[in-house]
Amino acid sequence: MKTWLITGISSGFGNSLTKLLLEKGDTVIGTVRSDNPKVAALQRDYPDQLDVVHLDVTDTAAIRRVVAEAVAKHGRIIETVDQKPAPLHLVLDSRARQATIERLTERLKEYQGQAGVAKSTDIED
């Protein structure tokens, strides 16, 4: 099982990917700007796998705090999905960032093939 940190799980790709990962048995630390019924439903269905955190992804100090708390609570974060060109990259060194990009590219290809994550009907913006 893997632990993921995903920004923006309220809708669209972030929400679809979160559902898929939770169904697989992975743990997700998902960020939201505000409460959301879709996320609340996921929390009810996966209370031990989903950790929802309110976060403004433009606040570097808040990002560092959320990452530190996530690592303290869950041990190691294996994968990150940062959907915006936000400062989440500031908490990762360049080697870790490049490795994360490469892993995510491969994982997304796998997941898209297995579950059709990218179906347009699943994506809302």
Foldseek 3Di string as FASTA:
>chain_A
DAEEEEEDCQFFLNVLVVVVCVVVPAAYEYEDQDDHPSVVVVCVVRVPRYHYDYDDLQDPVRLVVVVVVCCVVPPDHDAYHYPDPGCNCVVPDPVVVVVRVVVVVVVVVVCCVVPVSVDPVRGDD
